[in-house]
Amino acid sequence: WIILLPLVNFFITQTLQVYLKTHLTYSNLTQSKLFLST
């Protein structure tokens, strides 16, 4: 069941983006997403 952990993280991140949509600016994120994920 541990394999469901990334799905939970995905759901939380997506939900937060929907809820905070008007308060976010994606141009601020210049860091490598691969590096952060690793």
PDB file of all heavy atoms in Angstrom:
ATOM      1  N   TRP A   1       0.816  -1.219   0.000  1.00  0.00           N
ATOM      2  CA  TRP A   1       0.000   0.000   0.000  1.00  0.00           C
ATOM      3  C   TRP A   1       0.846   1.264   0.000  1.00  0.00           C
ATOM      4  O   TRP A   1       0.334   2.356  -0.289  1.00  0.00           O
ATOM      5  CB  TRP A   1      -0.943   0.006   1.201  1.00  0.00           C
ATOM      6  CG  TRP A   1      -2.081  -0.960   1.077  1.00  0.00           C
ATOM      7  CD1 TRP A   1      -2.204  -2.166   1.705  1.00  0.00           C
ATOM      8  CD2 TRP A   1      -3.235  -0.822   0.260  1.00  0.00           C
ATOM      9  NE1 TRP A   1      -3.359  -2.795   1.335  1.00  0.00           N
ATOM     10  CE2 TRP A   1      -4.027  -1.990   0.437  1.00  0.00           C
ATOM     11  CE3 TRP A   1      -3.700   0.164  -0.613  1.00  0.00           C
ATOM     12  CZ2 TRP A   1      -5.240  -2.174  -0.216  1.00  0.00           C
ATOM     13  CZ3 TRP A   1      -4.908  -0.027  -1.261  1.00  0.00           C
ATOM     14  CH2 TRP A   1      -5.658  -1.183  -1.066  1.00  0.00           C
ATOM     15  N   ILE A   2       2.144   1.142   0.295  1.00  0.00           N
ATOM     16  CA  ILE A   2       3.029   2.316   0.307  1.00  0.00           C
ATOM     17  C   ILE A   2       3.085   2.977  -1.061  1.00  0.00           C
ATOM     18  O   ILE A   2       3.396   4.175  -1.188  1.00  0.00           O
ATOM     19  CB  ILE A   2       4.450   1.902   0.782  1.00  0.00           C
ATOM     20  CG1 ILE A   2       5.323   3.127   1.062  1.00  0.00           C
ATOM     21  CG2 ILE A   2       5.114   1.000  -0.242  1.00  0.00           C
ATOM     22  CD1 ILE A   2       4.846   3.941   2.223  1.00  0.00           C
ATOM     23  N   ILE A   3       2.751   2.228  -2.125  1.00  0.00           N
ATOM     24  CA  ILE A   3       2.796   2.771  -3.487  1.00  0.00           C
ATOM     25  C   ILE A   3       1.760   3.880  -3.677  1.00  0.00           C
ATOM     26  O   ILE A   3       1.858   4.692  -4.617  1.00  0.00           O
ATOM     27  CB  ILE A   3       2.573   1.630  -4.516  1.00  0.00           C
ATOM     28  CG1 ILE A   3       3.055   2.076  -5.898  1.00  0.00           C
ATOM     29  CG2 ILE A   3       1.111   1.230  -4.559  1.00  0.00           C
ATOM     30  CD1 ILE A   3       3.057   0.968  -6.929  1.00  0.00           C
ATOM     31  N   LEU A   4       0.778   3.941  -2.793  1.00  0.00           N
ATOM     32  CA  LEU A   4      -0.248   4.978  -2.884  1.00  0.00           C
ATOM     33  C   LEU A   4       0.237   6.330  -2.357  1.00  0.00           C
ATOM     34  O   LEU A   4      -0.433   7.350  -2.578  1.00  0.00           O
ATOM     35  CB  LEU A   4      -1.502   4.567  -2.114  1.00  0.00           C
ATOM     36  CG  LEU A   4      -2.263   3.341  -2.636  1.00  0.00           C
ATOM     37  CD1 LEU A   4      -3.464   3.052  -1.754  1.00  0.00           C
ATOM     38  CD2 LEU A   4      -2.717   3.581  -4.081  1.00  0.00           C
ATOM     39  N   LEU A   5       1.380   6.364  -1.683  1.00  0.00           N
ATOM     40  CA  LEU A   5       1.869   7.610  -1.094  1.00  0.00           C
ATOM     41  C   LEU A   5       2.090   8.706  -2.144  1.00  0.00           C
ATOM     42  O   LEU A   5       1.661   9.851  -1.946  1.00  0.00           O
ATOM     43  CB  LEU A   5       3.150   7.345  -0.308  1.00  0.00           C
ATOM     44  CG  LEU A   5       3.713   8.520   0.494  1.00  0.00           C
ATOM     45  CD1 LEU A   5       2.672   9.012   1.509  1.00  0.00           C
ATOM     46  CD2 LEU A   5       4.997   8.113   1.207  1.00  0.00           C
ATOM     47  N   PRO A   6       2.756   8.411  -3.293  1.00  0.00           N
ATOM     48  CA  PRO A   6       2.896   9.462  -4.330  1.00  0.00           C
ATOM     49  C   PRO A   6       1.551   9.966  -4.848  1.00  0.00           C
ATOM     50  O   PRO A   6       1.417  11.154  -5.174  1.00  0.00           O
ATOM     51  CB  PRO A   6       3.693   8.760  -5.437  1.00  0.00           C
ATOM     52  CG  PRO A   6       4.417   7.657  -4.752  1.00  0.00           C
ATOM     53  CD  PRO A   6       3.490   7.198  -3.665  1.00  0.00           C
ATOM     54  N   LEU A   7       0.555   9.076  -4.932  1.00  0.00           N
ATOM     55  CA  LEU A   7      -0.771   9.498  -5.392  1.00  0.00           C
ATOM     56  C   LEU A   7      -1.404  10.474  -4.407  1.00  0.00           C
ATOM     57  O   LEU A   7      -2.067  11.442  -4.799  1.00  0.00           O
ATOM     58  CB  LEU A   7      -1.683   8.284  -5.579  1.00  0.00           C
ATOM     59  CG  LEU A   7      -1.266   7.280  -6.663  1.00  0.00           C
ATOM     60  CD1 LEU A   7      -2.236   6.109  -6.704  1.00  0.00           C
ATOM     61  CD2 LEU A   7      -1.190   7.966  -8.022  1.00  0.00           C
ATOM     62  N   VAL A   8      -1.188  10.205  -3.119  1.00  0.00           N
ATOM     63  CA  VAL A   8      -1.697  11.117  -2.084  1.00  0.00           C
ATOM     64  C   VAL A   8      -1.019  12.478  -2.211  1.00  0.00           C
ATOM     65  O   VAL A   8      -1.668  13.531  -2.151  1.00  0.00           O
ATOM     66  CB  VAL A   8      -1.473  10.517  -0.679  1.00  0.00           C
ATOM     67  CG1 VAL A   8      -1.839  11.528   0.406  1.00  0.00           C
ATOM     68  CG2 VAL A   8      -2.275   9.240  -0.501  1.00  0.00           C
ATOM     69  N   ASN A   9       0.307  12.471  -2.403  1.00  0.00           N
ATOM     70  CA  ASN A   9       1.049  13.723  -2.572  1.00  0.00           C
ATOM     71  C   ASN A   9       0.573  14.490  -3.803  1.00  0.00           C
ATOM     72  O   ASN A   9       0.450  15.727  -3.785  1.00  0.00           O
ATOM     73  CB  ASN A   9       2.550  13.444  -2.688  1.00  0.00           C
ATOM     74  CG  ASN A   9       3.147  12.927  -1.388  1.00  0.00           C
ATOM     75  OD1 ASN A   9       2.633  13.204  -0.301  1.00  0.00           O
ATOM     76  ND2 ASN A   9       4.227  12.167  -1.491  1.00  0.00           N
ATOM     77  N   PHE A  10       0.330  13.763  -4.890  1.00  0.00           N
ATOM     78  CA  PHE A  10      -0.154  14.386  -6.127  1.00  0.00           C
ATOM     79  C   PHE A  10      -1.508  15.056  -5.891  1.00  0.00           C
ATOM     80  O   PHE A  10      -1.734  16.195  -6.300  1.00  0.00           O
ATOM     81  CB  PHE A  10      -0.267  13.334  -7.240  1.00  0.00           C
ATOM     82  CG  PHE A  10      -0.717  13.893  -8.567  1.00  0.00           C
ATOM     83  CD1 PHE A  10       0.215  14.342  -9.492  1.00  0.00           C
ATOM     84  CD2 PHE A  10      -2.066  13.980  -8.882  1.00  0.00           C
ATOM     85  CE1 PHE A  10      -0.192  14.867 -10.722  1.00  0.00           C
ATOM     86  CE2 PHE A  10      -2.492  14.496 -10.090  1.00  0.00           C
ATOM     87  CZ  PHE A  10      -1.551  14.949 -11.020  1.00  0.00           C
ATOM     88  N   PHE A  11      -2.396  14.347  -5.218  1.00  0.00           N
ATOM     89  CA  PHE A  11      -3.738  14.875  -4.947  1.00  0.00           C
ATOM     90  C   PHE A  11      -3.659  16.135  -4.076  1.00  0.00           C
ATOM     91  O   PHE A  11      -4.352  17.122  -4.339  1.00  0.00           O
ATOM     92  CB  PHE A  11      -4.584  13.807  -4.258  1.00  0.00           C
ATOM     93  CG  PHE A  11      -5.933  14.285  -3.813  1.00  0.00           C
ATOM     94  CD1 PHE A  11      -6.961  14.421  -4.729  1.00  0.00           C
ATOM     95  CD2 PHE A  11      -6.166  14.615  -2.483  1.00  0.00           C
ATOM     96  CE1 PHE A  11      -8.219  14.879  -4.323  1.00  0.00           C
ATOM     97  CE2 PHE A  11      -7.410  15.078  -2.080  1.00  0.00           C
ATOM     98  CZ  PHE A  11      -8.439  15.207  -3.004  1.00  0.00           C
ATOM     99  N   ILE A  12      -2.802  16.109  -3.054  1.00  0.00           N
ATOM    100  CA  ILE A  12      -2.664  17.266  -2.162  1.00  0.00           C
ATOM    101  C   ILE A  12      -2.126  18.469  -2.935  1.00  0.00           C
ATOM    102  O   ILE A  12      -2.641  19.588  -2.824  1.00  0.00           O
ATOM    103  CB  ILE A  12      -1.730  16.927  -0.977  1.00  0.00           C
ATOM    104  CG1 ILE A  12      -2.405  15.904  -0.053  1.00  0.00           C
ATOM    105  CG2 ILE A  12      -1.365  18.187  -0.195  1.00  0.00           C
ATOM    106  CD1 ILE A  12      -1.495  15.363   1.033  1.00  0.00           C
ATOM    107  N   THR A  13      -1.098  18.252  -3.749  1.00  0.00           N
ATOM    108  CA  THR A  13      -0.497  19.353  -4.513  1.00  0.00           C
ATOM    109  C   THR A  13      -1.484  19.937  -5.508  1.00  0.00           C
ATOM    110  O   THR A  13      -1.604  21.160  -5.643  1.00  0.00           O
ATOM    111  CB  THR A  13       0.759  18.854  -5.253  1.00  0.00           C
ATOM    112  OG1 THR A  13       1.604  18.138  -4.355  1.00  0.00           O
ATOM    113  CG2 THR A  13       1.550  20.014  -5.833  1.00  0.00           C
ATOM    114  N   GLN A  14      -2.192  19.080  -6.226  1.00  0.00           N
ATOM    115  CA  GLN A  14      -3.162  19.541  -7.215  1.00  0.00           C
ATOM    116  C   GLN A  14      -4.309  20.306  -6.553  1.00  0.00           C
ATOM    117  O   GLN A  14      -4.754  21.356  -7.045  1.00  0.00           O
ATOM    118  CB  GLN A  14      -3.712  18.336  -7.988  1.00  0.00           C
ATOM    119  CG  GLN A  14      -4.558  18.681  -9.200  1.00  0.00           C
ATOM    120  CD  GLN A  14      -3.746  19.295 -10.331  1.00  0.00           C
ATOM    121  OE1 GLN A  14      -2.533  19.097 -10.412  1.00  0.00           O
ATOM    122  NE2 GLN A  14      -4.393  20.067 -11.188  1.00  0.00           N
ATOM    123  N   THR A  15      -4.780  19.792  -5.418  1.00  0.00           N
ATOM    124  CA  THR A  15      -5.876  20.447  -4.703  1.00  0.00           C
ATOM    125  C   THR A  15      -5.467  21.834  -4.212  1.00  0.00           C
ATOM    126  O   THR A  15      -6.236  22.802  -4.308  1.00  0.00           O
ATOM    127  CB  THR A  15      -6.330  19.582  -3.512  1.00  0.00           C
ATOM    128  OG1 THR A  15      -6.736  18.299  -3.994  1.00  0.00           O
ATOM    129  CG2 THR A  15      -7.490  20.219  -2.769  1.00  0.00           C
ATOM    130  N   LEU A  16      -4.254  21.954  -3.673  1.00  0.00           N
ATOM    131  CA  LEU A  16      -3.759  23.244  -3.198  1.00  0.00           C
ATOM    132  C   LEU A  16      -3.656  24.249  -4.342  1.00  0.00           C
ATOM    133  O   LEU A  16      -3.965  25.441  -4.185  1.00  0.00           O
ATOM    134  CB  LEU A  16      -2.398  23.071  -2.515  1.00  0.00           C
ATOM    135  CG  LEU A  16      -2.415  22.427  -1.122  1.00  0.00           C
ATOM    136  CD1 LEU A  16      -0.995  22.153  -0.653  1.00  0.00           C
ATOM    137  CD2 LEU A  16      -3.139  23.327  -0.126  1.00  0.00           C
ATOM    138  N   GLN A  17      -3.235  23.774  -5.507  1.00  0.00           N
ATOM    139  CA  GLN A  17      -3.123  24.678  -6.664  1.00  0.00           C
ATOM    140  C   GLN A  17      -4.490  25.195  -7.102  1.00  0.00           C
ATOM    141  O   GLN A  17      -4.645  26.367  -7.440  1.00  0.00           O
ATOM    142  CB  GLN A  17      -2.450  23.952  -7.836  1.00  0.00           C
ATOM    143  CG  GLN A  17      -0.960  23.727  -7.616  1.00  0.00           C
ATOM    144  CD  GLN A  17      -0.308  23.140  -8.842  1.00  0.00           C
ATOM    145  OE1 GLN A  17       0.154  23.859  -9.726  1.00  0.00           O
ATOM    146  NE2 GLN A  17      -0.266  21.818  -8.900  1.00  0.00           N
ATOM    147  N   VAL A  18      -5.468  24.314  -7.095  1.00  0.00           N
ATOM    148  CA  VAL A  18      -6.824  24.723  -7.463  1.00  0.00           C
ATOM    149  C   VAL A  18      -7.360  25.734  -6.453  1.00  0.00           C
ATOM    150  O   VAL A  18      -7.954  26.764  -6.826  1.00  0.00           O
ATOM    151  CB  VAL A  18      -7.753  23.494  -7.553  1.00  0.00           C
ATOM    152  CG1 VAL A  18      -9.204  23.931  -7.729  1.00  0.00           C
ATOM    153  CG2 VAL A  18      -7.327  22.586  -8.692  1.00  0.00           C
ATOM    154  N   TYR A  19      -7.122  25.480  -5.199  1.00  0.00           N
ATOM    155  CA  TYR A  19      -7.645  26.341  -4.136  1.00  0.00           C
ATOM    156  C   TYR A  19      -6.935  27.700  -4.115  1.00  0.00           C
ATOM    157  O   TYR A  19      -7.553  28.733  -3.858  1.00  0.00           O
ATOM    158  CB  TYR A  19      -7.476  25.638  -2.789  1.00  0.00           C
ATOM    159  CG  TYR A  19      -7.995  26.426  -1.614  1.00  0.00           C
ATOM    160  CD1 TYR A  19      -9.365  26.583  -1.408  1.00  0.00           C
ATOM    161  CD2 TYR A  19      -7.114  27.023  -0.717  1.00  0.00           C
ATOM    162  CE1 TYR A  19      -9.846  27.316  -0.331  1.00  0.00           C
ATOM    163  CE2 TYR A  19      -7.583  27.757   0.363  1.00  0.00           C
ATOM    164  CZ  TYR A  19      -8.943  27.897   0.549  1.00  0.00           C
ATOM    165  OH  TYR A  19      -9.419  28.634   1.610  1.00  0.00           O
ATOM    166  N   LEU A  20      -5.601  27.716  -4.413  1.00  0.00           N
ATOM    167  CA  LEU A  20      -4.800  28.942  -4.333  1.00  0.00           C
ATOM    168  C   LEU A  20      -4.504  29.538  -5.705  1.00  0.00           C
ATOM    169  O   LEU A  20      -3.571  30.338  -5.850  1.00  0.00           O
ATOM    170  CB  LEU A  20      -3.476  28.647  -3.606  1.00  0.00           C
ATOM    171  CG  LEU A  20      -3.581  28.127  -2.164  1.00  0.00           C
ATOM    172  CD1 LEU A  20      -2.222  27.666  -1.671  1.00  0.00           C
ATOM    173  CD2 LEU A  20      -4.141  29.212  -1.244  1.00  0.00           C
ATOM    174  N   LYS A  21      -5.276  29.150  -6.701  1.00  0.00           N
ATOM    175  CA  LYS A  21      -4.975  29.491  -8.093  1.00  0.00           C
ATOM    176  C   LYS A  21      -4.699  30.982  -8.298  1.00  0.00           C
ATOM    177  O   LYS A  21      -3.738  31.374  -8.985  1.00  0.00           O
ATOM    178  CB  LYS A  21      -6.126  29.035  -8.980  1.00  0.00           C
ATOM    179  CG  LYS A  21      -5.862  29.225 -10.468  1.00  0.00           C
ATOM    180  CD  LYS A  21      -7.008  28.647 -11.281  1.00  0.00           C
ATOM    181  CE  LYS A  21      -6.727  28.787 -12.776  1.00  0.00           C
ATOM    182  NZ  LYS A  21      -7.834  28.225 -13.593  1.00  0.00           N
ATOM    183  N   THR A  22      -5.504  31.833  -7.718  1.00  0.00           N
ATOM    184  CA  THR A  22      -5.349  33.283  -7.935  1.00  0.00           C
ATOM    185  C   THR A  22      -4.170  33.869  -7.162  1.00  0.00           C
ATOM    186  O   THR A  22      -3.799  35.021  -7.397  1.00  0.00           O
ATOM    187  CB  THR A  22      -6.639  34.011  -7.514  1.00  0.00           C
ATOM    188  OG1 THR A  22      -6.915  33.724  -6.134  1.00  0.00           O
ATOM    189  CG2 THR A  22      -7.820  33.563  -8.370  1.00  0.00           C
ATOM    190  N   HIS A  23      -3.582  33.087  -6.272  1.00  0.00           N
ATOM    191  CA  HIS A  23      -2.459  33.598  -5.454  1.00  0.00           C
ATOM    192  C   HIS A  23      -1.110  33.054  -5.907  1.00  0.00           C
ATOM    193  O   HIS A  23      -0.100  33.299  -5.254  1.00  0.00           O
ATOM    194  CB  HIS A  23      -2.668  33.218  -3.980  1.00  0.00           C
ATOM    195  CG  HIS A  23      -3.947  33.732  -3.399  1.00  0.00           C
ATOM    196  ND1 HIS A  23      -4.124  35.031  -2.994  1.00  0.00           N
ATOM    197  CD2 HIS A  23      -5.144  33.108  -3.182  1.00  0.00           C
ATOM    198  CE1 HIS A  23      -5.350  35.204  -2.527  1.00  0.00           C
ATOM    199  NE2 HIS A  23      -5.994  34.044  -2.644  1.00  0.00           N
ATOM    200  N   LEU A  24      -1.084  32.305  -7.008  1.00  0.00           N
ATOM    201  CA  LEU A  24       0.143  31.650  -7.462  1.00  0.00           C
ATOM    202  C   LEU A  24       0.663  32.300  -8.737  1.00  0.00           C
ATOM    203  O   LEU A  24      -0.109  32.775  -9.580  1.00  0.00           O
ATOM    204  CB  LEU A  24      -0.104  30.164  -7.723  1.00  0.00           C
ATOM    205  CG  LEU A  24      -0.625  29.320  -6.557  1.00  0.00           C
ATOM    206  CD1 LEU A  24      -0.848  27.880  -7.005  1.00  0.00           C
ATOM    207  CD2 LEU A  24       0.320  29.361  -5.369  1.00  0.00           C
ATOM    208  N   THR A  25       1.980  32.318  -8.877  1.00  0.00           N
ATOM    209  CA  THR A  25       2.612  32.745 -10.121  1.00  0.00           C
ATOM    210  C   THR A  25       3.713  31.751 -10.466  1.00  0.00           C
ATOM    211  O   THR A  25       4.699  31.622  -9.741  1.00  0.00           O
ATOM    212  CB  THR A  25       3.181  34.176 -10.021  1.00  0.00           C
ATOM    213  OG1 THR A  25       3.919  34.461 -11.200  1.00  0.00           O
ATOM    214  CG2 THR A  25       4.060  34.356  -8.790  1.00  0.00           C
ATOM    215  N   TYR A  26       3.546  31.046 -11.569  1.00  0.00           N
ATOM    216  CA  TYR A  26       4.462  29.960 -11.926  1.00  0.00           C
ATOM    217  C   TYR A  26       5.787  30.481 -12.473  1.00  0.00           C
ATOM    218  O   TYR A  26       6.779  29.757 -12.515  1.00  0.00           O
ATOM    219  CB  TYR A  26       3.787  29.042 -12.950  1.00  0.00           C
ATOM    220  CG  TYR A  26       2.636  28.249 -12.361  1.00  0.00           C
ATOM    221  CD1 TYR A  26       1.325  28.689 -12.530  1.00  0.00           C
ATOM    222  CD2 TYR A  26       2.864  27.111 -11.620  1.00  0.00           C
ATOM    223  CE1 TYR A  26       0.265  27.994 -11.966  1.00  0.00           C
ATOM    224  CE2 TYR A  26       1.812  26.399 -11.067  1.00  0.00           C
ATOM    225  CZ  TYR A  26       0.511  26.851 -11.235  1.00  0.00           C
ATOM    226  OH  TYR A  26      -0.528  26.158 -10.670  1.00  0.00           O
ATOM    227  N   SER A  27       5.811  31.755 -12.858  1.00  0.00           N
ATOM    228  CA  SER A  27       7.069  32.318 -13.374  1.00  0.00           C
ATOM    229  C   SER A  27       8.119  32.461 -12.293  1.00  0.00           C
ATOM    230  O   SER A  27       9.315  32.602 -12.583  1.00  0.00           O
ATOM    231  CB  SER A  27       6.788  33.685 -14.013  1.00  0.00           C
ATOM    232  OG  SER A  27       6.267  34.580 -13.029  1.00  0.00           O
ATOM    233  N   ASN A  28       7.681  32.417 -11.025  1.00  0.00           N
ATOM    234  CA  ASN A  28       8.639  32.526  -9.912  1.00  0.00           C
ATOM    235  C   ASN A  28       9.494  31.278  -9.760  1.00  0.00           C
ATOM    236  O   ASN A  28      10.563  31.319  -9.137  1.00  0.00           O
ATOM    237  CB  ASN A  28       7.908  32.780  -8.595  1.00  0.00           C
ATOM    238  CG  ASN A  28       7.300  34.160  -8.540  1.00  0.00           C
ATOM    239  OD1 ASN A  28       7.672  35.029  -9.333  1.00  0.00           O
ATOM    240  ND2 ASN A  28       6.357  34.365  -7.617  1.00  0.00           N
ATOM    241  N   LEU A  29       9.023  30.145 -10.283  1.00  0.00           N
ATOM    242  CA  LEU A  29       9.718  28.878 -10.070  1.00  0.00           C
ATOM    243  C   LEU A  29      10.694  28.623 -11.207  1.00  0.00           C
ATOM    244  O   LEU A  29      10.323  28.155 -12.285  1.00  0.00           O
ATOM    245  CB  LEU A  29       8.710  27.730  -9.960  1.00  0.00           C
ATOM    246  CG  LEU A  29       9.300  26.378  -9.527  1.00  0.00           C
ATOM    247  CD1 LEU A  29       9.850  26.467  -8.108  1.00  0.00           C
ATOM    248  CD2 LEU A  29       8.242  25.295  -9.598  1.00  0.00           C
ATOM    249  N   THR A  30      11.945  28.942 -10.988  1.00  0.00           N
ATOM    250  CA  THR A  30      12.978  28.723 -12.005  1.00  0.00           C
ATOM    251  C   THR A  30      13.860  27.529 -11.667  1.00  0.00           C
ATOM    252  O   THR A  30      14.658  27.094 -12.484  1.00  0.00           O
ATOM    253  CB  THR A  30      13.857  29.974 -12.132  1.00  0.00           C
ATOM    254  OG1 THR A  30      14.432  30.257 -10.842  1.00  0.00           O
ATOM    255  CG2 THR A  30      13.030  31.167 -12.580  1.00  0.00           C
ATOM    256  N   GLN A  31      13.724  26.986 -10.432  1.00  0.00           N
ATOM    257  CA  GLN A  31      14.563  25.861 -10.020  1.00  0.00           C
ATOM    258  C   GLN A  31      14.198  24.598 -10.821  1.00  0.00           C
ATOM    259  O   GLN A  31      13.065  24.447 -11.273  1.00  0.00           O
ATOM    260  CB  GLN A  31      14.408  25.566  -8.524  1.00  0.00           C
ATOM    261  CG  GLN A  31      15.094  26.565  -7.620  1.00  0.00           C
ATOM    262  CD  GLN A  31      14.233  27.802  -7.395  1.00  0.00           C
ATOM    263  OE1 GLN A  31      13.146  27.893  -7.953  1.00  0.00           O
ATOM    264  NE2 GLN A  31      14.742  28.751  -6.625  1.00  0.00           N
ATOM    265  N   SER A  32      15.181  23.710 -10.950  1.00  0.00           N
ATOM    266  CA  SER A  32      14.981  22.453 -11.674  1.00  0.00           C
ATOM    267  C   SER A  32      14.011  21.561 -10.910  1.00  0.00           C
ATOM    268  O   SER A  32      14.222  21.237  -9.745  1.00  0.00           O
ATOM    269  CB  SER A  32      16.318  21.731 -11.861  1.00  0.00           C
ATOM    270  OG  SER A  32      16.092  20.414 -12.311  1.00  0.00           O
ATOM    271  N   LYS A  33      12.946  21.157 -11.586  1.00  0.00           N
ATOM    272  CA  LYS A  33      11.966  20.267 -10.951  1.00  0.00           C
ATOM    273  C   LYS A  33      12.543  18.880 -10.749  1.00  0.00           C
ATOM    274  O   LYS A  33      12.178  18.162  -9.807  1.00  0.00           O
ATOM    275  CB  LYS A  33      10.690  20.226 -11.793  1.00  0.00           C
ATOM    276  CG  LYS A  33      10.008  21.578 -11.954  1.00  0.00           C
ATOM    277  CD  LYS A  33       8.786  21.472 -12.825  1.00  0.00           C
ATOM    278  CE  LYS A  33       8.189  22.853 -13.089  1.00  0.00           C
ATOM    279  NZ  LYS A  33       9.095  23.737 -13.841  1.00  0.00           N
ATOM    280  N   LEU A  34      13.430  18.462 -11.639  1.00  0.00           N
ATOM    281  CA  LEU A  34      14.093  17.158 -11.486  1.00  0.00           C
ATOM    282  C   LEU A  34      14.940  17.131 -10.227  1.00  0.00           C
ATOM    283  O   LEU A  34      14.916  16.159  -9.464  1.00  0.00           O
ATOM    284  CB  LEU A  34      14.953  16.858 -12.718  1.00  0.00           C
ATOM    285  CG  LEU A  34      15.809  15.594 -12.644  1.00  0.00           C
ATOM    286  CD1 LEU A  34      14.919  14.364 -12.481  1.00  0.00           C
ATOM    287  CD2 LEU A  34      16.678  15.456 -13.897  1.00  0.00           C
ATOM    288  N   PHE A  35      15.677  18.220  -9.986  1.00  0.00           N
ATOM    289  CA  PHE A  35      16.523  18.293  -8.791  1.00  0.00           C
ATOM    290  C   PHE A  35      15.675  18.255  -7.519  1.00  0.00           C
ATOM    291  O   PHE A  35      15.973  17.529  -6.572  1.00  0.00           O
ATOM    292  CB  PHE A  35      17.359  19.581  -8.846  1.00  0.00           C
ATOM    293  CG  PHE A  35      18.226  19.789  -7.638  1.00  0.00           C
ATOM    294  CD1 PHE A  35      19.390  19.039  -7.451  1.00  0.00           C
ATOM    295  CD2 PHE A  35      17.884  20.724  -6.667  1.00  0.00           C
ATOM    296  CE1 PHE A  35      20.195  19.225  -6.333  1.00  0.00           C
ATOM    297  CE2 PHE A  35      18.670  20.903  -5.542  1.00  0.00           C
ATOM    298  CZ  PHE A  35      19.833  20.157  -5.382  1.00  0.00           C
ATOM    299  N   LEU A  36      14.583  19.041  -7.524  1.00  0.00           N
ATOM    300  CA  LEU A  36      13.706  19.063  -6.360  1.00  0.00           C
ATOM    301  C   LEU A  36      13.087  17.688  -6.088  1.00  0.00           C
ATOM    302  O   LEU A  36      13.036  17.223  -4.950  1.00  0.00           O
ATOM    303  CB  LEU A  36      12.592  20.089  -6.576  1.00  0.00           C
ATOM    304  CG  LEU A  36      12.972  21.567  -6.471  1.00  0.00           C
ATOM    305  CD1 LEU A  36      11.784  22.435  -6.854  1.00  0.00           C
ATOM    306  CD2 LEU A  36      13.434  21.906  -5.067  1.00  0.00           C
ATOM    307  N   SER A  37      12.621  17.049  -7.154  1.00  0.00           N
ATOM    308  CA  SER A  37      12.007  15.725  -7.003  1.00  0.00           C
ATOM    309  C   SER A  37      12.996  14.712  -6.454  1.00  0.00           C
ATOM    310  O   SER A  37      12.656  13.904  -5.590  1.00  0.00           O
ATOM    311  CB  SER A  37      11.462  15.241  -8.351  1.00  0.00           C
ATOM    312  OG  SER A  37      10.484  16.121  -8.835  1.00  0.00           O
ATOM    313  N   THR A  38      14.221  14.763  -6.951  1.00  0.00           N
ATOM    314  CA  THR A  38      15.252  13.805  -6.525  1.00  0.00           C
ATOM    315  C   THR A  38      15.583  13.981  -5.044  1.00  0.00           C
ATOM    316  O   THR A  38      15.640  13.013  -4.284  1.00  0.00           O
ATOM    317  CB  THR A  38      16.527  13.957  -7.368  1.00  0.00           C
ATOM    318  OG1 THR A  38      16.199  13.787  -8.742  1.00  0.00           O
ATOM    319  CG2 THR A  38      17.568  12.923  -6.959  1.00  0.00           C
TER     320      THR A  38
END
